[in-house]
Amino acid sequence: MKKLVFITLILIAFTACKPTSSIVTSKDTAVKKGMYTEPKAVATTEIRNTEKRKKNQVREVALKPSHNPSNTAKRTGLNNQNESDIIIDDEDASYLVKQLINSASENLGVGYRGGGTTKAGFDCSGLIYSTFKKFDITLPRSSHEMATIGTKIDLSDAKKGDLIFFINRGQRRINHVGMVVEVSNDEVKFIHSSTQSGVIISSTKEPYYNRTFVQINRVLQ
C-alpha cells in the first residue's frame, strides 16, 4: 500500500513539473502558433500604401489648375526681353507708343541741361526729340515748333504718346513739352525734363501745370 502511494506521488510530481505547452525555439514555429507576426510584411504593406497615397496626392496636385495670378495674368511689357524695363500696362496704346514711353522712362532721374539730348542731361524738347529719334521719327527740335505738327486734341481725349505743351516762365509762346504716359479720368500724367528736377513724371492736377497748360497734339495716328 505504501509503495502504491509513493508511486502515485511521483506521478503527480512529474505531471505538475511537465510544461503545459511546448517550448518555441524558432521564429517559424512562433509564426505558425500566432505568437509572432512578421514585422517586415507589415512594414512593406504600410510603405506600399503610403507610396500609393503620395502618388495619388501628386497626381491630384498636377491635375488642379493653378490659381496663381502671376501664371494667369500675362505681363504686358514694352520690351519683354529686358527685365529692367519700366512697364506701362495699357491695352489701348500701340506697341510703338509703349516703346516710346519705355525709352523716355529709362531717363527718369537724369538732370536738366539746356540743349541736352543725351543722358548727360536733357532739356524738355531734347528728351522728346531724342526719344522719337530712336524709332526713326524726326520731330522739330524746339517745343514751339513741335506744337505746330500733328493734330490738336482736347485734354479729355488725350492718349498715351500724345505731346503736351505749356507756356511757363512768363513767356508768350509755348516753351515746354512733355509726352503723355498715363490718362485717368480728367488727369493726364506726362514725362518731361524740368529745369529744377530733370526728367520726371508730372500731372495736370498739379497747380503749376494746370495753370500753364496750353494744348495736346497727337503726332502718331
N, C-alpha and C. Protein backbone atom coordinates (compact mmCIF):
# COMPACT_ATOMS: atom_id res chain seq x y z
N MET A 1 0.84 -1.18 0.00
CA MET A 1 0.00 0.00 0.00
C MET A 1 0.88 1.25 0.00
N LYS A 2 1.86 1.30 0.85
CA LYS A 2 2.79 2.42 0.91
C LYS A 2 3.50 2.59 -0.42
N LYS A 3 3.83 1.49 -1.07
CA LYS A 3 4.51 1.53 -2.36
C LYS A 3 3.62 2.17 -3.39
N LEU A 4 2.37 1.84 -3.36
CA LEU A 4 1.42 2.38 -4.33
C LEU A 4 1.27 3.88 -4.13
N VAL A 5 1.20 4.30 -2.88
CA VAL A 5 1.09 5.74 -2.59
C VAL A 5 2.32 6.48 -3.06
N PHE A 6 3.49 5.90 -2.86
CA PHE A 6 4.74 6.52 -3.28
C PHE A 6 4.79 6.72 -4.78
N ILE A 7 4.34 5.67 -5.50
CA ILE A 7 4.34 5.75 -6.98
C ILE A 7 3.37 6.84 -7.43
N THR A 8 2.25 6.94 -6.73
CA THR A 8 1.24 7.94 -7.10
C THR A 8 1.78 9.35 -6.89
N LEU A 9 2.50 9.57 -5.79
CA LEU A 9 3.08 10.89 -5.52
C LEU A 9 4.11 11.28 -6.56
N ILE A 10 4.89 10.28 -6.97
CA ILE A 10 5.91 10.55 -8.00
C ILE A 10 5.24 10.97 -9.30
N LEU A 11 4.15 10.28 -9.66
CA LEU A 11 3.43 10.61 -10.91
C LEU A 11 2.83 12.01 -10.84
N ILE A 12 2.29 12.36 -9.67
CA ILE A 12 1.71 13.70 -9.52
C ILE A 12 2.78 14.77 -9.64
N ALA A 13 3.90 14.53 -9.00
CA ALA A 13 5.01 15.49 -9.07
C ALA A 13 5.51 15.64 -10.48
N PHE A 14 5.62 14.56 -11.21
CA PHE A 14 6.10 14.56 -12.59
C PHE A 14 5.14 15.34 -13.47
N THR A 15 3.84 15.09 -13.23
CA THR A 15 2.83 15.78 -14.04
C THR A 15 2.83 17.26 -13.75
N ALA A 16 2.99 17.67 -12.53
CA ALA A 16 2.99 19.07 -12.15
C ALA A 16 4.18 19.81 -12.73
N CYS A 17 5.29 19.16 -12.89
CA CYS A 17 6.50 19.81 -13.41
C CYS A 17 6.56 19.80 -14.93
N LYS A 18 5.68 19.09 -15.59
CA LYS A 18 5.71 18.98 -17.04
C LYS A 18 5.20 20.28 -17.66
N PRO A 19 5.85 20.85 -18.61
CA PRO A 19 5.39 22.09 -19.24
C PRO A 19 4.01 21.88 -19.83
N THR A 20 3.16 22.91 -19.70
CA THR A 20 1.79 22.80 -20.25
C THR A 20 1.78 22.99 -21.74
N SER A 21 2.86 23.57 -22.30
CA SER A 21 2.95 23.74 -23.76
C SER A 21 4.38 23.55 -24.18
N SER A 22 4.53 23.25 -25.43
CA SER A 22 5.88 23.01 -25.93
C SER A 22 6.65 24.30 -26.02
N ILE A 23 7.95 24.24 -25.84
CA ILE A 23 8.81 25.42 -25.91
C ILE A 23 9.00 25.81 -27.37
N VAL A 24 8.86 27.13 -27.67
CA VAL A 24 9.06 27.64 -29.03
C VAL A 24 10.52 27.98 -29.20
N THR A 25 11.14 27.33 -30.13
CA THR A 25 12.58 27.55 -30.32
C THR A 25 12.90 28.15 -31.67
N SER A 26 11.89 28.43 -32.51
CA SER A 26 12.18 29.02 -33.82
C SER A 26 11.11 30.05 -34.19
N LYS A 27 11.49 30.97 -35.05
CA LYS A 27 10.57 32.01 -35.49
C LYS A 27 9.43 31.41 -36.30
N ASP A 28 9.74 30.39 -37.10
CA ASP A 28 8.71 29.77 -37.92
C ASP A 28 7.60 29.19 -37.05
N THR A 29 8.04 28.52 -35.96
CA THR A 29 7.05 27.93 -35.05
C THR A 29 6.21 29.01 -34.40
N ALA A 30 6.86 30.06 -34.01
CA ALA A 30 6.12 31.16 -33.39
C ALA A 30 5.11 31.76 -34.34
N VAL A 31 5.50 31.88 -35.61
CA VAL A 31 4.58 32.42 -36.61
C VAL A 31 3.38 31.51 -36.79
N LYS A 32 3.66 30.16 -36.85
CA LYS A 32 2.58 29.19 -37.02
C LYS A 32 1.61 29.20 -35.86
N LYS A 33 2.12 29.43 -34.66
CA LYS A 33 1.28 29.44 -33.47
C LYS A 33 0.61 30.80 -33.24
N GLY A 34 0.89 31.73 -34.12
CA GLY A 34 0.29 33.05 -33.95
C GLY A 34 0.90 33.87 -32.87
N MET A 35 2.07 33.47 -32.39
CA MET A 35 2.72 34.21 -31.33
C MET A 35 3.65 35.30 -31.86
N TYR A 36 3.85 35.30 -33.13
CA TYR A 36 4.83 36.22 -33.71
C TYR A 36 4.32 36.67 -35.08
N THR A 37 4.39 37.94 -35.32
CA THR A 37 3.98 38.49 -36.61
C THR A 37 5.18 39.09 -37.31
N GLU A 38 5.34 38.74 -38.53
CA GLU A 38 6.49 39.20 -39.31
C GLU A 38 6.42 40.71 -39.49
N PRO A 39 7.29 41.48 -38.86
CA PRO A 39 7.23 42.95 -38.97
C PRO A 39 7.53 43.45 -40.37
N LYS A 40 8.34 42.75 -41.11
CA LYS A 40 8.71 43.16 -42.46
C LYS A 40 7.50 43.20 -43.37
N ALA A 41 6.67 42.22 -43.20
CA ALA A 41 5.48 42.16 -44.03
C ALA A 41 4.57 43.34 -43.76
N VAL A 42 4.43 43.69 -42.49
CA VAL A 42 3.58 44.82 -42.11
C VAL A 42 4.18 46.11 -42.64
N ALA A 43 5.50 46.28 -42.48
CA ALA A 43 6.17 47.49 -42.92
C ALA A 43 6.05 47.66 -44.43
N THR A 44 6.23 46.58 -45.16
CA THR A 44 6.16 46.61 -46.61
C THR A 44 4.77 47.05 -47.06
N THR A 45 3.77 46.51 -46.43
CA THR A 45 2.40 46.88 -46.79
C THR A 45 2.14 48.34 -46.52
N GLU A 46 2.61 48.79 -45.36
CA GLU A 46 2.40 50.19 -45.00
C GLU A 46 3.13 51.12 -45.96
N ILE A 47 4.38 50.73 -46.31
CA ILE A 47 5.16 51.54 -47.24
C ILE A 47 4.46 51.63 -48.59
N ARG A 48 3.95 50.49 -49.05
CA ARG A 48 3.25 50.49 -50.33
C ARG A 48 2.01 51.38 -50.30
N ASN A 49 1.28 51.31 -49.19
CA ASN A 49 0.08 52.14 -49.06
C ASN A 49 0.44 53.62 -49.01
N THR A 50 1.54 53.92 -48.29
CA THR A 50 1.98 55.31 -48.18
C THR A 50 2.41 55.86 -49.54
N GLU A 51 3.19 55.04 -50.27
CA GLU A 51 3.63 55.46 -51.60
C GLU A 51 2.45 55.65 -52.53
N LYS A 52 1.47 54.79 -52.39
CA LYS A 52 0.29 54.90 -53.23
C LYS A 52 -0.45 56.20 -52.95
N ARG A 53 -0.56 56.54 -51.64
CA ARG A 53 -1.23 57.78 -51.27
C ARG A 53 -0.49 58.99 -51.80
N LYS A 54 0.85 58.94 -51.69
CA LYS A 54 1.66 60.06 -52.18
C LYS A 54 1.49 60.24 -53.68
N LYS A 55 1.49 59.14 -54.41
CA LYS A 55 1.32 59.22 -55.86
C LYS A 55 -0.03 59.83 -56.21
N ASN A 56 -1.05 59.44 -55.46
CA ASN A 56 -2.38 59.97 -55.71
C ASN A 56 -2.43 61.47 -55.43
N GLN A 57 -1.72 61.88 -54.33
CA GLN A 57 -1.70 63.29 -53.99
C GLN A 57 -0.98 64.10 -55.04
N VAL A 58 0.15 63.59 -55.52
CA VAL A 58 0.90 64.27 -56.57
C VAL A 58 0.05 64.41 -57.82
N ARG A 59 -0.65 63.33 -58.14
CA ARG A 59 -1.49 63.34 -59.33
C ARG A 59 -2.62 64.37 -59.19
N GLU A 60 -3.19 64.47 -57.98
CA GLU A 60 -4.26 65.43 -57.76
C GLU A 60 -3.75 66.86 -57.89
N VAL A 61 -2.54 67.11 -57.35
CA VAL A 61 -1.95 68.45 -57.46
C VAL A 61 -1.69 68.80 -58.90
N ALA A 62 -1.19 67.82 -59.65
CA ALA A 62 -0.87 68.06 -61.05
C ALA A 62 -2.12 68.37 -61.86
N LEU A 63 -3.25 67.78 -61.47
CA LEU A 63 -4.49 67.98 -62.22
C LEU A 63 -5.20 69.26 -61.84
N LYS A 64 -4.88 69.82 -60.66
CA LYS A 64 -5.56 71.03 -60.22
C LYS A 64 -5.05 72.22 -61.01
N PRO A 65 -5.94 73.09 -61.48
CA PRO A 65 -5.49 74.29 -62.19
C PRO A 65 -4.83 75.25 -61.24
N SER A 66 -3.84 75.97 -61.74
CA SER A 66 -3.13 76.92 -60.89
C SER A 66 -3.97 78.17 -60.70
N HIS A 67 -3.99 78.68 -59.45
CA HIS A 67 -4.73 79.89 -59.16
C HIS A 67 -3.78 81.04 -58.88
N ASN A 68 -2.54 80.86 -59.26
CA ASN A 68 -1.54 81.90 -59.03
C ASN A 68 -1.70 82.99 -60.08
N PRO A 69 -2.03 84.22 -59.68
CA PRO A 69 -2.25 85.28 -60.65
C PRO A 69 -1.07 85.51 -61.56
N SER A 70 0.15 85.27 -61.06
CA SER A 70 1.33 85.51 -61.88
C SER A 70 1.40 84.54 -63.04
N ASN A 71 0.73 83.39 -62.94
CA ASN A 71 0.73 82.43 -64.02
C ASN A 71 -0.36 82.72 -65.03
N THR A 72 -1.47 83.30 -64.58
CA THR A 72 -2.59 83.51 -65.46
C THR A 72 -2.59 84.89 -66.08
N ALA A 73 -2.03 85.83 -65.35
CA ALA A 73 -2.03 87.19 -65.89
C ALA A 73 -0.80 87.39 -66.75
N LYS A 74 -1.01 87.76 -68.00
CA LYS A 74 0.11 87.96 -68.92
C LYS A 74 0.72 89.33 -68.67
N ARG A 75 1.99 89.37 -68.48
CA ARG A 75 2.66 90.62 -68.20
C ARG A 75 2.85 91.37 -69.50
N THR A 76 2.31 92.61 -69.54
CA THR A 76 2.45 93.44 -70.72
C THR A 76 3.67 94.31 -70.56
N GLY A 77 4.63 94.21 -71.49
CA GLY A 77 5.85 94.98 -71.36
C GLY A 77 6.18 95.71 -72.64
N LEU A 78 6.95 96.74 -72.50
CA LEU A 78 7.36 97.49 -73.66
C LEU A 78 8.47 96.78 -74.40
N ASN A 79 9.26 96.08 -73.67
CA ASN A 79 10.30 95.27 -74.28
C ASN A 79 10.50 94.09 -73.35
N ASN A 80 9.84 92.99 -73.66
CA ASN A 80 9.81 91.86 -72.74
C ASN A 80 11.17 91.20 -72.53
N GLN A 81 12.13 91.56 -73.34
CA GLN A 81 13.44 90.93 -73.22
C GLN A 81 14.30 91.57 -72.14
N ASN A 82 13.86 92.74 -71.64
CA ASN A 82 14.65 93.44 -70.64
C ASN A 82 13.88 93.52 -69.33
N GLU A 83 14.38 92.83 -68.29
CA GLU A 83 13.69 92.82 -67.00
C GLU A 83 13.71 94.19 -66.34
N SER A 84 14.65 95.06 -66.74
CA SER A 84 14.76 96.37 -66.11
C SER A 84 13.81 97.39 -66.72
N ASP A 85 13.08 97.01 -67.75
CA ASP A 85 12.17 97.94 -68.40
C ASP A 85 11.10 98.43 -67.44
N ILE A 86 10.73 99.69 -67.60
CA ILE A 86 9.60 100.22 -66.86
C ILE A 86 8.35 99.81 -67.63
N ILE A 87 7.45 99.11 -66.95
CA ILE A 87 6.29 98.54 -67.62
C ILE A 87 5.12 99.51 -67.62
N ILE A 88 4.62 99.84 -68.80
CA ILE A 88 3.43 100.65 -68.94
C ILE A 88 2.35 99.71 -69.45
N ASP A 89 1.47 99.31 -68.57
CA ASP A 89 0.45 98.32 -68.90
C ASP A 89 -0.79 99.02 -69.44
N ASP A 90 -0.98 99.00 -70.75
CA ASP A 90 -2.11 99.69 -71.34
C ASP A 90 -2.51 98.99 -72.63
N GLU A 91 -3.70 98.42 -72.66
CA GLU A 91 -4.15 97.68 -73.83
C GLU A 91 -4.49 98.61 -74.98
N ASP A 92 -4.76 99.90 -74.67
CA ASP A 92 -5.17 100.84 -75.72
C ASP A 92 -3.98 101.40 -76.50
N ALA A 93 -2.83 101.42 -75.87
CA ALA A 93 -1.67 102.01 -76.52
C ALA A 93 -1.06 101.03 -77.52
N SER A 94 -0.58 101.57 -78.62
CA SER A 94 0.07 100.73 -79.61
C SER A 94 1.45 100.31 -79.13
N TYR A 95 2.00 99.32 -79.81
CA TYR A 95 3.32 98.84 -79.39
C TYR A 95 4.37 99.95 -79.54
N LEU A 96 4.28 100.76 -80.57
CA LEU A 96 5.22 101.86 -80.76
C LEU A 96 5.12 102.86 -79.63
N VAL A 97 3.90 103.20 -79.25
CA VAL A 97 3.72 104.14 -78.15
C VAL A 97 4.31 103.59 -76.86
N LYS A 98 4.10 102.30 -76.61
CA LYS A 98 4.67 101.68 -75.42
C LYS A 98 6.19 101.76 -75.45
N GLN A 99 6.76 101.53 -76.61
CA GLN A 99 8.22 101.61 -76.73
C GLN A 99 8.72 103.03 -76.50
N LEU A 100 7.99 103.99 -77.00
CA LEU A 100 8.39 105.39 -76.81
C LEU A 100 8.36 105.76 -75.32
N ILE A 101 7.30 105.36 -74.64
CA ILE A 101 7.18 105.66 -73.22
C ILE A 101 8.28 104.96 -72.44
N ASN A 102 8.55 103.72 -72.80
CA ASN A 102 9.60 102.98 -72.11
C ASN A 102 10.96 103.61 -72.32
N SER A 103 11.23 104.03 -73.54
CA SER A 103 12.51 104.65 -73.85
C SER A 103 12.70 105.95 -73.08
N ALA A 104 11.65 106.77 -73.04
CA ALA A 104 11.74 108.03 -72.30
C ALA A 104 11.89 107.76 -70.80
N SER A 105 11.20 106.76 -70.29
CA SER A 105 11.22 106.46 -68.86
C SER A 105 12.57 105.95 -68.39
N GLU A 106 13.36 105.43 -69.29
CA GLU A 106 14.70 104.97 -68.92
C GLU A 106 15.58 106.14 -68.47
N ASN A 107 15.13 107.36 -68.79
CA ASN A 107 15.91 108.54 -68.43
C ASN A 107 15.42 109.23 -67.16
N LEU A 108 14.47 108.63 -66.48
CA LEU A 108 13.98 109.23 -65.23
C LEU A 108 15.14 109.45 -64.27
N GLY A 109 15.23 110.66 -63.74
CA GLY A 109 16.31 110.98 -62.80
C GLY A 109 17.48 111.68 -63.44
N VAL A 110 17.56 111.66 -64.77
CA VAL A 110 18.64 112.38 -65.45
C VAL A 110 18.40 113.88 -65.29
N GLY A 111 19.45 114.61 -65.04
CA GLY A 111 19.32 116.04 -64.77
C GLY A 111 19.00 116.89 -66.00
N TYR A 112 18.58 118.12 -65.72
CA TYR A 112 18.27 119.06 -66.81
C TYR A 112 19.56 119.67 -67.37
N ARG A 113 19.55 119.86 -68.69
CA ARG A 113 20.69 120.51 -69.32
C ARG A 113 20.18 121.21 -70.59
N GLY A 114 20.37 122.51 -70.65
CA GLY A 114 19.92 123.27 -71.80
C GLY A 114 20.56 122.76 -73.08
N GLY A 115 19.73 122.45 -74.07
CA GLY A 115 20.23 121.94 -75.35
C GLY A 115 20.63 120.48 -75.31
N GLY A 116 20.48 119.82 -74.14
CA GLY A 116 20.92 118.44 -74.00
C GLY A 116 19.98 117.43 -74.64
N THR A 117 20.58 116.40 -75.23
CA THR A 117 19.79 115.32 -75.86
C THR A 117 20.33 113.94 -75.47
N THR A 118 21.14 113.87 -74.42
CA THR A 118 21.72 112.61 -74.00
C THR A 118 21.55 112.44 -72.49
N LYS A 119 22.01 111.29 -71.97
CA LYS A 119 21.92 111.03 -70.54
C LYS A 119 22.80 111.95 -69.72
N ALA A 120 23.62 112.74 -70.38
CA ALA A 120 24.40 113.74 -69.67
C ALA A 120 23.49 114.89 -69.23
N GLY A 121 22.28 114.91 -69.78
CA GLY A 121 21.32 115.95 -69.43
C GLY A 121 20.40 116.25 -70.61
N PHE A 122 19.13 116.54 -70.31
CA PHE A 122 18.15 116.87 -71.35
C PHE A 122 17.47 118.19 -71.03
N ASP A 123 17.14 118.95 -72.09
CA ASP A 123 16.12 119.96 -71.91
C ASP A 123 14.80 119.32 -72.33
N CYS A 124 13.69 120.05 -72.19
CA CYS A 124 12.39 119.41 -72.40
C CYS A 124 12.23 118.87 -73.82
N SER A 125 12.51 119.67 -74.80
CA SER A 125 12.35 119.23 -76.19
C SER A 125 13.43 118.23 -76.57
N GLY A 126 14.61 118.34 -75.92
CA GLY A 126 15.69 117.40 -76.21
C GLY A 126 15.30 115.98 -75.81
N LEU A 127 14.59 115.82 -74.69
CA LEU A 127 14.14 114.50 -74.26
C LEU A 127 13.16 113.91 -75.26
N ILE A 128 12.19 114.72 -75.69
CA ILE A 128 11.18 114.23 -76.64
C ILE A 128 11.82 113.97 -78.00
N TYR A 129 12.65 114.87 -78.44
CA TYR A 129 13.30 114.72 -79.75
C TYR A 129 14.13 113.43 -79.82
N SER A 130 14.98 113.21 -78.79
CA SER A 130 15.86 112.04 -78.82
C SER A 130 15.06 110.74 -78.66
N THR A 131 13.97 110.79 -77.89
CA THR A 131 13.14 109.58 -77.70
C THR A 131 12.52 109.15 -79.01
N PHE A 132 11.92 110.08 -79.75
CA PHE A 132 11.30 109.73 -81.03
C PHE A 132 12.35 109.38 -82.08
N LYS A 133 13.51 110.02 -81.99
CA LYS A 133 14.58 109.78 -82.97
C LYS A 133 15.05 108.33 -82.92
N LYS A 134 15.00 107.71 -81.72
CA LYS A 134 15.42 106.31 -81.59
C LYS A 134 14.58 105.39 -82.47
N PHE A 135 13.38 105.81 -82.80
CA PHE A 135 12.48 104.99 -83.61
C PHE A 135 12.29 105.58 -85.00
N ASP A 136 13.34 106.31 -85.42
CA ASP A 136 13.38 106.91 -86.76
C ASP A 136 12.25 107.88 -87.03
N ILE A 137 11.81 108.56 -85.98
CA ILE A 137 10.80 109.61 -86.13
C ILE A 137 11.47 110.93 -85.78
N THR A 138 11.59 111.81 -86.77
CA THR A 138 12.29 113.07 -86.56
C THR A 138 11.28 114.18 -86.32
N LEU A 139 11.33 114.72 -85.12
CA LEU A 139 10.47 115.85 -84.76
C LEU A 139 11.27 117.14 -84.84
N PRO A 140 10.58 118.28 -84.90
CA PRO A 140 11.31 119.55 -84.81
C PRO A 140 12.07 119.60 -83.48
N ARG A 141 13.10 120.39 -83.42
CA ARG A 141 13.95 120.38 -82.23
C ARG A 141 13.40 121.19 -81.07
N SER A 142 12.64 122.22 -81.31
CA SER A 142 12.15 123.05 -80.21
C SER A 142 10.70 122.72 -79.86
N SER A 143 10.32 123.00 -78.63
CA SER A 143 8.94 122.74 -78.20
C SER A 143 7.95 123.59 -78.97
N HIS A 144 8.32 124.81 -79.27
CA HIS A 144 7.42 125.69 -80.03
C HIS A 144 7.14 125.11 -81.41
N GLU A 145 8.17 124.60 -82.05
CA GLU A 145 7.98 124.01 -83.38
C GLU A 145 7.24 122.68 -83.30
N MET A 146 7.48 121.90 -82.27
CA MET A 146 6.76 120.64 -82.10
C MET A 146 5.26 120.88 -81.99
N ALA A 147 4.88 122.00 -81.39
CA ALA A 147 3.47 122.32 -81.19
C ALA A 147 2.74 122.61 -82.49
N THR A 148 3.50 122.74 -83.58
CA THR A 148 2.87 123.06 -84.87
C THR A 148 2.58 121.82 -85.70
N ILE A 149 3.02 120.65 -85.24
CA ILE A 149 2.80 119.42 -86.02
C ILE A 149 1.73 118.55 -85.38
N GLY A 150 1.21 117.62 -86.17
CA GLY A 150 0.20 116.71 -85.65
C GLY A 150 -1.17 117.36 -85.57
N THR A 151 -2.05 116.78 -84.78
CA THR A 151 -3.43 117.25 -84.63
C THR A 151 -3.70 117.64 -83.19
N LYS A 152 -4.26 118.82 -83.00
CA LYS A 152 -4.60 119.25 -81.65
C LYS A 152 -5.76 118.41 -81.10
N ILE A 153 -5.61 117.98 -79.85
CA ILE A 153 -6.59 117.10 -79.21
C ILE A 153 -7.09 117.75 -77.92
N ASP A 154 -8.36 117.62 -77.64
CA ASP A 154 -8.88 118.11 -76.37
C ASP A 154 -8.23 117.33 -75.22
N LEU A 155 -8.08 118.00 -74.11
CA LEU A 155 -7.47 117.36 -72.94
C LEU A 155 -8.22 116.09 -72.55
N SER A 156 -9.53 116.11 -72.69
CA SER A 156 -10.36 114.96 -72.31
C SER A 156 -10.16 113.77 -73.25
N ASP A 157 -9.57 114.01 -74.42
CA ASP A 157 -9.35 112.94 -75.40
C ASP A 157 -7.89 112.50 -75.47
N ALA A 158 -7.09 112.98 -74.55
CA ALA A 158 -5.66 112.67 -74.57
C ALA A 158 -5.41 111.17 -74.47
N LYS A 159 -4.35 110.72 -75.14
CA LYS A 159 -3.94 109.32 -75.08
C LYS A 159 -2.44 109.25 -74.87
N LYS A 160 -1.98 108.11 -74.43
CA LYS A 160 -0.54 107.90 -74.27
C LYS A 160 0.17 108.12 -75.59
N GLY A 161 1.32 108.78 -75.53
CA GLY A 161 2.10 109.06 -76.73
C GLY A 161 1.85 110.44 -77.30
N ASP A 162 0.76 111.09 -76.87
CA ASP A 162 0.49 112.46 -77.33
C ASP A 162 1.52 113.40 -76.71
N LEU A 163 1.74 114.53 -77.37
CA LEU A 163 2.63 115.55 -76.83
C LEU A 163 1.79 116.60 -76.12
N ILE A 164 2.25 117.04 -74.97
CA ILE A 164 1.53 118.03 -74.16
C ILE A 164 2.41 119.27 -74.01
N PHE A 165 1.80 120.46 -74.20
CA PHE A 165 2.58 121.70 -74.26
C PHE A 165 2.13 122.71 -73.21
N PHE A 166 3.10 123.53 -72.79
CA PHE A 166 2.87 124.52 -71.74
C PHE A 166 3.56 125.84 -72.11
N ILE A 167 3.09 126.88 -71.48
CA ILE A 167 3.78 128.17 -71.54
C ILE A 167 4.13 128.53 -70.10
N ASN A 168 5.38 128.66 -69.84
CA ASN A 168 5.79 128.99 -68.47
C ASN A 168 6.85 130.07 -68.44
N ARG A 169 7.21 130.45 -67.28
CA ARG A 169 8.22 131.49 -67.00
C ARG A 169 7.91 132.82 -67.72
N GLY A 170 6.62 133.14 -67.75
CA GLY A 170 6.23 134.44 -68.28
C GLY A 170 6.40 134.58 -69.78
N GLN A 171 6.55 133.47 -70.49
CA GLN A 171 6.72 133.53 -71.94
C GLN A 171 5.37 133.76 -72.63
N ARG A 172 5.44 134.17 -73.88
CA ARG A 172 4.22 134.43 -74.65
C ARG A 172 3.91 133.31 -75.62
N ARG A 173 4.82 132.40 -75.77
CA ARG A 173 4.55 131.26 -76.66
C ARG A 173 5.00 129.97 -76.00
N ILE A 174 4.57 128.87 -76.57
CA ILE A 174 4.89 127.56 -75.99
C ILE A 174 6.40 127.40 -75.84
N ASN A 175 6.80 126.99 -74.66
CA ASN A 175 8.23 126.80 -74.42
C ASN A 175 8.52 125.56 -73.56
N HIS A 176 7.51 124.71 -73.41
CA HIS A 176 7.75 123.47 -72.65
C HIS A 176 6.89 122.35 -73.22
N VAL A 177 7.49 121.12 -73.27
CA VAL A 177 6.80 119.98 -73.86
C VAL A 177 7.08 118.72 -73.06
N GLY A 178 6.11 117.85 -73.04
CA GLY A 178 6.27 116.54 -72.43
C GLY A 178 5.51 115.51 -73.26
N MET A 179 5.57 114.25 -72.85
CA MET A 179 4.83 113.19 -73.55
C MET A 179 3.89 112.51 -72.57
N VAL A 180 2.65 112.32 -72.97
CA VAL A 180 1.64 111.71 -72.12
C VAL A 180 1.98 110.24 -71.89
N VAL A 181 1.98 109.83 -70.62
CA VAL A 181 2.28 108.43 -70.29
C VAL A 181 1.12 107.74 -69.58
N GLU A 182 0.14 108.53 -69.10
CA GLU A 182 -1.00 107.92 -68.42
C GLU A 182 -2.18 108.88 -68.44
N VAL A 183 -3.36 108.32 -68.68
CA VAL A 183 -4.59 109.10 -68.66
C VAL A 183 -5.59 108.41 -67.75
N SER A 184 -6.10 109.15 -66.76
CA SER A 184 -7.05 108.58 -65.83
C SER A 184 -8.14 109.61 -65.55
N ASN A 185 -9.32 109.37 -66.11
CA ASN A 185 -10.43 110.32 -65.98
C ASN A 185 -10.00 111.69 -66.49
N ASP A 186 -9.95 112.68 -65.59
CA ASP A 186 -9.59 114.02 -66.04
C ASP A 186 -8.14 114.37 -65.70
N GLU A 187 -7.34 113.37 -65.36
CA GLU A 187 -5.93 113.59 -65.04
C GLU A 187 -5.04 113.03 -66.12
N VAL A 188 -4.07 113.82 -66.51
CA VAL A 188 -3.09 113.40 -67.51
C VAL A 188 -1.71 113.46 -66.89
N LYS A 189 -0.97 112.37 -66.95
CA LYS A 189 0.40 112.35 -66.46
C LYS A 189 1.35 112.34 -67.66
N PHE A 190 2.43 113.04 -67.53
CA PHE A 190 3.36 113.19 -68.65
C PHE A 190 4.79 113.16 -68.16
N ILE A 191 5.68 112.68 -69.02
CA ILE A 191 7.11 112.66 -68.73
C ILE A 191 7.75 113.85 -69.42
N HIS A 192 8.65 114.51 -68.73
CA HIS A 192 9.29 115.70 -69.28
C HIS A 192 10.57 115.98 -68.50
N SER A 193 11.34 116.92 -68.99
CA SER A 193 12.55 117.33 -68.29
C SER A 193 12.33 118.75 -67.77
N SER A 194 12.24 118.85 -66.46
CA SER A 194 12.01 120.17 -65.84
C SER A 194 13.34 120.78 -65.45
N THR A 195 13.36 122.11 -65.41
CA THR A 195 14.62 122.79 -65.10
C THR A 195 15.09 122.50 -63.68
N GLN A 196 14.17 122.28 -62.77
CA GLN A 196 14.53 122.07 -61.38
C GLN A 196 14.82 120.62 -61.02
N SER A 197 14.04 119.67 -61.62
CA SER A 197 14.15 118.27 -61.18
C SER A 197 14.67 117.32 -62.25
N GLY A 198 14.89 117.81 -63.46
CA GLY A 198 15.34 116.92 -64.53
C GLY A 198 14.18 116.09 -65.04
N VAL A 199 14.46 114.88 -65.49
CA VAL A 199 13.42 114.03 -66.09
C VAL A 199 12.55 113.44 -65.00
N ILE A 200 11.27 113.79 -65.03
CA ILE A 200 10.30 113.34 -64.04
C ILE A 200 8.96 113.10 -64.72
N ILE A 201 8.03 112.54 -63.99
CA ILE A 201 6.65 112.41 -64.45
C ILE A 201 5.78 113.32 -63.60
N SER A 202 5.03 114.19 -64.25
CA SER A 202 4.18 115.14 -63.55
C SER A 202 2.73 114.95 -63.97
N SER A 203 1.84 115.74 -63.35
CA SER A 203 0.41 115.60 -63.60
C SER A 203 -0.23 116.95 -63.85
N THR A 204 -1.25 116.94 -64.70
CA THR A 204 -2.00 118.18 -64.95
C THR A 204 -2.80 118.59 -63.72
N LYS A 205 -2.89 117.71 -62.72
CA LYS A 205 -3.56 118.04 -61.48
C LYS A 205 -2.70 118.95 -60.60
N GLU A 206 -1.42 118.99 -60.88
CA GLU A 206 -0.54 119.88 -60.11
C GLU A 206 -0.87 121.32 -60.49
N PRO A 207 -1.03 122.19 -59.51
CA PRO A 207 -1.46 123.57 -59.77
C PRO A 207 -0.63 124.28 -60.85
N TYR A 208 0.67 124.12 -60.80
CA TYR A 208 1.53 124.83 -61.75
C TYR A 208 1.23 124.40 -63.18
N TYR A 209 1.17 123.08 -63.42
CA TYR A 209 0.95 122.60 -64.78
C TYR A 209 -0.49 122.76 -65.22
N ASN A 210 -1.42 122.76 -64.27
CA ASN A 210 -2.81 123.03 -64.60
C ASN A 210 -2.96 124.47 -65.08
N ARG A 211 -2.18 125.36 -64.50
CA ARG A 211 -2.25 126.78 -64.82
C ARG A 211 -1.54 127.11 -66.13
N THR A 212 -0.46 126.39 -66.44
CA THR A 212 0.35 126.74 -67.62
C THR A 212 0.04 125.86 -68.84
N PHE A 213 -0.88 124.90 -68.70
CA PHE A 213 -1.23 124.01 -69.81
C PHE A 213 -1.80 124.81 -70.99
N VAL A 214 -1.39 124.39 -72.20
CA VAL A 214 -1.87 125.06 -73.41
C VAL A 214 -2.62 124.11 -74.34
N GLN A 215 -1.96 123.02 -74.72
CA GLN A 215 -2.59 122.13 -75.70
C GLN A 215 -1.96 120.75 -75.71
N ILE A 216 -2.65 119.81 -76.39
CA ILE A 216 -2.13 118.46 -76.61
C ILE A 216 -2.17 118.18 -78.11
N ASN A 217 -1.08 117.66 -78.62
CA ASN A 217 -1.01 117.31 -80.04
C ASN A 217 -0.80 115.82 -80.21
N ARG A 218 -1.52 115.24 -81.16
CA ARG A 218 -1.31 113.83 -81.48
C ARG A 218 -0.46 113.76 -82.74
N VAL A 219 0.75 113.22 -82.57
CA VAL A 219 1.67 113.14 -83.70
C VAL A 219 1.74 111.73 -84.27
N LEU A 220 1.16 110.77 -83.57
CA LEU A 220 1.11 109.40 -84.06
C LEU A 220 -0.35 109.00 -84.27
N GLN A 221 -0.68 108.59 -85.48
CA GLN A 221 -2.07 108.24 -85.78
C GLN A 221 -2.25 106.72 -85.77
